[in-house]
Amino acid sequence: MKFLSAVLKEIWGLFVDDGNLALQVLILIGTLAIAVKRGGLSPLWGGGFLLVGCLAILAVSLSRRVQR
């Protein structure tokens, strides 16, 4: 049973290593999806904002990790 638990934790860690990072990306995706669907934002601009937003979130997460 401990083996199965350890395997599941490892698999979970592959996808969600930093819960804060995952939450921020999900919020960004949700916000941009609403902005494109209902806010009249062009899908091209939405994709650009998604790219820049994900890179910014990654940079902040990386800088926090380096400071630890």
PDB file of N, CA and C in Angstrom:
ATOM      1  N   MET A   1       0.824  -1.189   0.000  1.00  0.00           N
ATOM      2  CA  MET A   1       0.000   0.000   0.000  1.00  0.00           C
ATOM      3  C   MET A   1       0.871   1.256   0.000  1.00  0.00           C
ATOM      4  N   LYS A   2       2.002   1.219   0.728  1.00  0.00           N
ATOM      5  CA  LYS A   2       2.900   2.367   0.751  1.00  0.00           C
ATOM      6  C   LYS A   2       3.512   2.601  -0.629  1.00  0.00           C
ATOM      7  N   PHE A   3       3.777   1.499  -1.330  1.00  0.00           N
ATOM      8  CA  PHE A   3       4.347   1.601  -2.674  1.00  0.00           C
ATOM      9  C   PHE A   3       3.376   2.313  -3.610  1.00  0.00           C
ATOM     10  N   LEU A   4       2.101   1.922  -3.567  1.00  0.00           N
ATOM     11  CA  LEU A   4       1.092   2.537  -4.416  1.00  0.00           C
ATOM     12  C   LEU A   4       0.937   4.019  -4.092  1.00  0.00           C
ATOM     13  N   SER A   5       0.944   4.331  -2.820  1.00  0.00           N
ATOM     14  CA  SER A   5       0.847   5.728  -2.398  1.00  0.00           C
ATOM     15  C   SER A   5       2.039   6.544  -2.897  1.00  0.00           C
ATOM     16  N   ALA A   6       3.222   5.969  -2.811  1.00  0.00           N
ATOM     17  CA  ALA A   6       4.421   6.671  -3.276  1.00  0.00           C
ATOM     18  C   ALA A   6       4.395   6.878  -4.788  1.00  0.00           C
ATOM     19  N   VAL A   7       3.922   5.877  -5.516  1.00  0.00           N
ATOM     20  CA  VAL A   7       3.829   5.988  -6.975  1.00  0.00           C
ATOM     21  C   VAL A   7       2.828   7.070  -7.357  1.00  0.00           C
ATOM     22  N   LEU A   8       1.683   7.099  -6.706  1.00  0.00           N
ATOM     23  CA  LEU A   8       0.672   8.113  -7.008  1.00  0.00           C
ATOM     24  C   LEU A   8       1.161   9.524  -6.678  1.00  0.00           C
ATOM     25  N   LYS A   9       1.905   9.659  -5.590  1.00  0.00           N
ATOM     26  CA  LYS A   9       2.467  10.972  -5.247  1.00  0.00           C
ATOM     27  C   LYS A   9       3.484  11.426  -6.287  1.00  0.00           C
ATOM     28  N   GLU A  10       4.274  10.509  -6.793  1.00  0.00           N
ATOM     29  CA  GLU A  10       5.252  10.843  -7.830  1.00  0.00           C
ATOM     30  C   GLU A  10       4.562  11.269  -9.122  1.00  0.00           C
ATOM     31  N   ILE A  11       3.520  10.538  -9.489  1.00  0.00           N
ATOM     32  CA  ILE A  11       2.780  10.893 -10.707  1.00  0.00           C
ATOM     33  C   ILE A  11       2.115  12.253 -10.530  1.00  0.00           C
ATOM     34  N   TRP A  12       1.522  12.500  -9.387  1.00  0.00           N
ATOM     35  CA  TRP A  12       0.907  13.793  -9.103  1.00  0.00           C
ATOM     36  C   TRP A  12       1.959  14.901  -9.167  1.00  0.00           C
ATOM     37  N   GLY A  13       3.126  14.645  -8.645  1.00  0.00           N
ATOM     38  CA  GLY A  13       4.207  15.626  -8.658  1.00  0.00           C
ATOM     39  C   GLY A  13       4.716  15.960 -10.046  1.00  0.00           C
ATOM     40  N   LEU A  14       4.562  15.022 -10.982  1.00  0.00           N
ATOM     41  CA  LEU A  14       4.957  15.300 -12.356  1.00  0.00           C
ATOM     42  C   LEU A  14       4.102  16.395 -12.971  1.00  0.00           C
ATOM     43  N   PHE A  15       2.832  16.427 -12.607  1.00  0.00           N
ATOM     44  CA  PHE A  15       1.914  17.373 -13.215  1.00  0.00           C
ATOM     45  C   PHE A  15       1.693  18.620 -12.368  1.00  0.00           C
ATOM     46  N   VAL A  16       1.718  18.480 -11.076  1.00  0.00           N
ATOM     47  CA  VAL A  16       1.475  19.614 -10.186  1.00  0.00           C
ATOM     48  C   VAL A  16       2.582  19.646  -9.146  1.00  0.00           C
ATOM     49  N   ASP A  17       3.712  20.191  -9.537  1.00  0.00           N
ATOM     50  CA  ASP A  17       4.835  20.295  -8.607  1.00  0.00           C
ATOM     51  C   ASP A  17       4.629  21.470  -7.673  1.00  0.00           C
ATOM     52  N   ASP A  18       4.188  22.567  -8.226  1.00  0.00           N
ATOM     53  CA  ASP A  18       3.948  23.771  -7.443  1.00  0.00           C
ATOM     54  C   ASP A  18       2.476  24.129  -7.604  1.00  0.00           C
ATOM     55  N   GLY A  19       1.706  23.910  -6.556  1.00  0.00           N
ATOM     56  CA  GLY A  19       0.267  24.161  -6.620  1.00  0.00           C
ATOM     57  C   GLY A  19      -0.065  25.597  -6.945  1.00  0.00           C
ATOM     58  N   ASN A  20       0.721  26.516  -6.449  1.00  0.00           N
ATOM     59  CA  ASN A  20       0.490  27.929  -6.719  1.00  0.00           C
ATOM     60  C   ASN A  20       0.679  28.229  -8.206  1.00  0.00           C
ATOM     61  N   LEU A  21       1.682  27.646  -8.802  1.00  0.00           N
ATOM     62  CA  LEU A  21       1.942  27.831 -10.231  1.00  0.00           C
ATOM     63  C   LEU A  21       0.768  27.305 -11.052  1.00  0.00           C
ATOM     64  N   ALA A  22       0.304  26.128 -10.733  1.00  0.00           N
ATOM     65  CA  ALA A  22      -0.817  25.539 -11.462  1.00  0.00           C
ATOM     66  C   ALA A  22      -2.079  26.387 -11.310  1.00  0.00           C
ATOM     67  N   LEU A  23      -2.334  26.869 -10.109  1.00  0.00           N
ATOM     68  CA  LEU A  23      -3.511  27.695  -9.863  1.00  0.00           C
ATOM     69  C   LEU A  23      -3.443  29.001 -10.645  1.00  0.00           C
ATOM     70  N   GLN A  24      -2.285  29.624 -10.680  1.00  0.00           N
ATOM     71  CA  GLN A  24      -2.143  30.873 -11.419  1.00  0.00           C
ATOM     72  C   GLN A  24      -2.356  30.666 -12.910  1.00  0.00           C
ATOM     73  N   VAL A  25      -1.839  29.582 -13.456  1.00  0.00           N
ATOM     74  CA  VAL A  25      -2.026  29.305 -14.885  1.00  0.00           C
ATOM     75  C   VAL A  25      -3.494  29.029 -15.184  1.00  0.00           C
ATOM     76  N   LEU A  26      -4.172  28.282 -14.315  1.00  0.00           N
ATOM     77  CA  LEU A  26      -5.592  28.016 -14.531  1.00  0.00           C
ATOM     78  C   LEU A  26      -6.418  29.296 -14.471  1.00  0.00           C
ATOM     79  N   ILE A  27      -6.093  30.185 -13.555  1.00  0.00           N
ATOM     80  CA  ILE A  27      -6.797  31.461 -13.472  1.00  0.00           C
ATOM     81  C   ILE A  27      -6.550  32.295 -14.724  1.00  0.00           C
ATOM     82  N   LEU A  28      -5.312  32.312 -15.196  1.00  0.00           N
ATOM     83  CA  LEU A  28      -4.988  33.044 -16.419  1.00  0.00           C
ATOM     84  C   LEU A  28      -5.768  32.491 -17.606  1.00  0.00           C
ATOM     85  N   ILE A  29      -5.801  31.188 -17.755  1.00  0.00           N
ATOM     86  CA  ILE A  29      -6.517  30.565 -18.866  1.00  0.00           C
ATOM     87  C   ILE A  29      -8.013  30.874 -18.780  1.00  0.00           C
ATOM     88  N   GLY A  30      -8.578  30.751 -17.600  1.00  0.00           N
ATOM     89  CA  GLY A  30     -10.003  31.042 -17.420  1.00  0.00           C
ATOM     90  C   GLY A  30     -10.351  32.490 -17.726  1.00  0.00           C
ATOM     91  N   THR A  31      -9.517  33.400 -17.244  1.00  0.00           N
ATOM     92  CA  THR A  31      -9.755  34.825 -17.480  1.00  0.00           C
ATOM     93  C   THR A  31      -9.674  35.151 -18.968  1.00  0.00           C
ATOM     94  N   LEU A  32      -8.670  34.622 -19.634  1.00  0.00           N
ATOM     95  CA  LEU A  32      -8.528  34.898 -21.059  1.00  0.00           C
ATOM     96  C   LEU A  32      -9.617  34.223 -21.882  1.00  0.00           C
ATOM     97  N   ALA A  33     -10.062  33.051 -21.475  1.00  0.00           N
ATOM     98  CA  ALA A  33     -11.153  32.390 -22.185  1.00  0.00           C
ATOM     99  C   ALA A  33     -12.428  33.223 -22.105  1.00  0.00           C
ATOM    100  N   ILE A  34     -12.712  33.748 -20.933  1.00  0.00           N
ATOM    101  CA  ILE A  34     -13.890  34.608 -20.775  1.00  0.00           C
ATOM    102  C   ILE A  34     -13.732  35.891 -21.582  1.00  0.00           C
ATOM    103  N   ALA A  35     -12.529  36.455 -21.562  1.00  0.00           N
ATOM    104  CA  ALA A  35     -12.288  37.691 -22.313  1.00  0.00           C
ATOM    105  C   ALA A  35     -12.447  37.481 -23.806  1.00  0.00           C
ATOM    106  N   VAL A  36     -12.041  36.323 -24.312  1.00  0.00           N
ATOM    107  CA  VAL A  36     -12.164  36.048 -25.749  1.00  0.00           C
ATOM    108  C   VAL A  36     -13.612  35.734 -26.108  1.00  0.00           C
ATOM    109  N   LYS A  37     -14.277  34.905 -25.303  1.00  0.00           N
ATOM    110  CA  LYS A  37     -15.636  34.470 -25.627  1.00  0.00           C
ATOM    111  C   LYS A  37     -16.670  35.580 -25.417  1.00  0.00           C
ATOM    112  N   ARG A  38     -16.568  36.293 -24.316  1.00  0.00           N
ATOM    113  CA  ARG A  38     -17.612  37.265 -23.969  1.00  0.00           C
ATOM    114  C   ARG A  38     -17.152  38.710 -24.007  1.00  0.00           C
ATOM    115  N   GLY A  39     -15.869  38.918 -23.909  1.00  0.00           N
ATOM    116  CA  GLY A  39     -15.367  40.282 -23.823  1.00  0.00           C
ATOM    117  C   GLY A  39     -14.992  40.894 -25.152  1.00  0.00           C
ATOM    118  N   GLY A  40     -15.036  40.112 -26.201  1.00  0.00           N
ATOM    119  CA  GLY A  40     -14.715  40.635 -27.513  1.00  0.00           C
ATOM    120  C   GLY A  40     -13.228  40.738 -27.804  1.00  0.00           C
ATOM    121  N   LEU A  41     -12.404  40.116 -26.983  1.00  0.00           N
ATOM    122  CA  LEU A  41     -10.962  40.117 -27.223  1.00  0.00           C
ATOM    123  C   LEU A  41     -10.655  39.197 -28.399  1.00  0.00           C
ATOM    124  N   SER A  42      -9.827  39.653 -29.296  1.00  0.00           N
ATOM    125  CA  SER A  42      -9.443  38.854 -30.460  1.00  0.00           C
ATOM    126  C   SER A  42      -8.701  37.597 -29.991  1.00  0.00           C
ATOM    127  N   PRO A  43      -8.987  36.444 -30.597  1.00  0.00           N
ATOM    128  CA  PRO A  43      -8.273  35.221 -30.215  1.00  0.00           C
ATOM    129  C   PRO A  43      -6.759  35.344 -30.389  1.00  0.00           C
ATOM    130  N   LEU A  44      -6.327  36.107 -31.375  1.00  0.00           N
ATOM    131  CA  LEU A  44      -4.890  36.305 -31.564  1.00  0.00           C
ATOM    132  C   LEU A  44      -4.286  37.061 -30.382  1.00  0.00           C
ATOM    133  N   TRP A  45      -4.964  38.114 -29.948  1.00  0.00           N
ATOM    134  CA  TRP A  45      -4.490  38.850 -28.765  1.00  0.00           C
ATOM    135  C   TRP A  45      -4.570  37.977 -27.515  1.00  0.00           C
ATOM    136  N   GLY A  46      -5.629  37.173 -27.422  1.00  0.00           N
ATOM    137  CA  GLY A  46      -5.761  36.263 -26.284  1.00  0.00           C
ATOM    138  C   GLY A  46      -4.605  35.281 -26.218  1.00  0.00           C
ATOM    139  N   GLY A  47      -4.208  34.754 -27.373  1.00  0.00           N
ATOM    140  CA  GLY A  47      -3.060  33.845 -27.424  1.00  0.00           C
ATOM    141  C   GLY A  47      -1.774  34.541 -27.036  1.00  0.00           C
ATOM    142  N   GLY A  48      -1.617  35.777 -27.476  1.00  0.00           N
ATOM    143  CA  GLY A  48      -0.421  36.549 -27.105  1.00  0.00           C
ATOM    144  C   GLY A  48      -0.360  36.810 -25.614  1.00  0.00           C
ATOM    145  N   PHE A  49      -1.524  37.201 -25.051  1.00  0.00           N
ATOM    146  CA  PHE A  49      -1.571  37.434 -23.605  1.00  0.00           C
ATOM    147  C   PHE A  49      -1.324  36.141 -22.840  1.00  0.00           C
ATOM    148  N   LEU A  50      -1.817  35.024 -23.370  1.00  0.00           N
ATOM    149  CA  LEU A  50      -1.589  33.732 -22.721  1.00  0.00           C
ATOM    150  C   LEU A  50      -0.106  33.389 -22.697  1.00  0.00           C
ATOM    151  N   LEU A  51       0.570  33.617 -23.819  1.00  0.00           N
ATOM    152  CA  LEU A  51       2.006  33.347 -23.886  1.00  0.00           C
ATOM    153  C   LEU A  51       2.779  34.223 -22.906  1.00  0.00           C
ATOM    154  N   VAL A  52       2.513  35.518 -22.941  1.00  0.00           N
ATOM    155  CA  VAL A  52       3.224  36.449 -22.063  1.00  0.00           C
ATOM    156  C   VAL A  52       2.884  36.164 -20.600  1.00  0.00           C
ATOM    157  N   GLY A  53       1.622  35.885 -20.325  1.00  0.00           N
ATOM    158  CA  GLY A  53       1.212  35.594 -18.952  1.00  0.00           C
ATOM    159  C   GLY A  53       1.857  34.339 -18.401  1.00  0.00           C
ATOM    160  N   CYS A  54       1.886  33.284 -19.206  1.00  0.00           N
ATOM    161  CA  CYS A  54       2.517  32.033 -18.756  1.00  0.00           C
ATOM    162  C   CYS A  54       4.015  32.218 -18.531  1.00  0.00           C
ATOM    163  N   LEU A  55       4.657  32.968 -19.422  1.00  0.00           N
ATOM    164  CA  LEU A  55       6.089  33.231 -19.229  1.00  0.00           C
ATOM    165  C   LEU A  55       6.337  34.063 -17.975  1.00  0.00           C
ATOM    166  N   ALA A  56       5.474  35.032 -17.707  1.00  0.00           N
ATOM    167  CA  ALA A  56       5.625  35.851 -16.499  1.00  0.00           C
ATOM    168  C   ALA A  56       5.409  35.012 -15.242  1.00  0.00           C
ATOM    169  N   ILE A  57       4.389  34.168 -15.250  1.00  0.00           N
ATOM    170  CA  ILE A  57       4.125  33.299 -14.101  1.00  0.00           C
ATOM    171  C   ILE A  57       5.297  32.359 -13.878  1.00  0.00           C
ATOM    172  N   LEU A  58       5.832  31.804 -14.946  1.00  0.00           N
ATOM    173  CA  LEU A  58       6.983  30.914 -14.842  1.00  0.00           C
ATOM    174  C   LEU A  58       8.209  31.641 -14.310  1.00  0.00           C
ATOM    175  N   ALA A  59       8.437  32.865 -14.770  1.00  0.00           N
ATOM    176  CA  ALA A  59       9.590  33.643 -14.299  1.00  0.00           C
ATOM    177  C   ALA A  59       9.474  33.952 -12.815  1.00  0.00           C
ATOM    178  N   VAL A  60       8.287  34.330 -12.364  1.00  0.00           N
ATOM    179  CA  VAL A  60       8.094  34.624 -10.942  1.00  0.00           C
ATOM    180  C   VAL A  60       8.279  33.370 -10.108  1.00  0.00           C
ATOM    181  N   SER A  61       7.733  32.247 -10.580  1.00  0.00           N
ATOM    182  CA  SER A  61       7.888  30.984  -9.859  1.00  0.00           C
ATOM    183  C   SER A  61       9.351  30.569  -9.785  1.00  0.00           C
ATOM    184  N   LEU A  62      10.064  30.742 -10.879  1.00  0.00           N
ATOM    185  CA  LEU A  62      11.478  30.400 -10.911  1.00  0.00           C
ATOM    186  C   LEU A  62      12.286  31.283  -9.970  1.00  0.00           C
ATOM    187  N   SER A  63      11.990  32.579  -9.944  1.00  0.00           N
ATOM    188  CA  SER A  63      12.729  33.472  -9.047  1.00  0.00           C
ATOM    189  C   SER A  63      12.463  33.145  -7.582  1.00  0.00           C
ATOM    190  N   ARG A  64      11.221  32.734  -7.274  1.00  0.00           N
ATOM    191  CA  ARG A  64      10.927  32.323  -5.900  1.00  0.00           C
ATOM    192  C   ARG A  64      11.691  31.046  -5.528  1.00  0.00           C
ATOM    193  N   ARG A  65      11.776  30.125  -6.488  1.00  0.00           N
ATOM    194  CA  ARG A  65      12.470  28.861  -6.235  1.00  0.00           C
ATOM    195  C   ARG A  65      13.957  29.098  -6.030  1.00  0.00           C
ATOM    196  N   VAL A  66      14.527  30.015  -6.788  1.00  0.00           N
ATOM    197  CA  VAL A  66      15.962  30.311  -6.669  1.00  0.00           C
ATOM    198  C   VAL A  66      16.258  30.965  -5.326  1.00  0.00           C
ATOM    199  N   GLN A  67      15.354  31.778  -4.836  1.00  0.00           N
ATOM    200  CA  GLN A  67      15.580  32.462  -3.561  1.00  0.00           C
ATOM    201  C   GLN A  67      15.539  31.514  -2.377  1.00  0.00           C
ATOM    202  N   ARG A  68      14.915  30.367  -2.510  1.00  0.00           N
ATOM    203  CA  ARG A  68      14.814  29.409  -1.391  1.00  0.00           C
ATOM    204  C   ARG A  68      16.109  28.761  -1.116  1.00  0.00           C
TER     205      ARG A  68
END
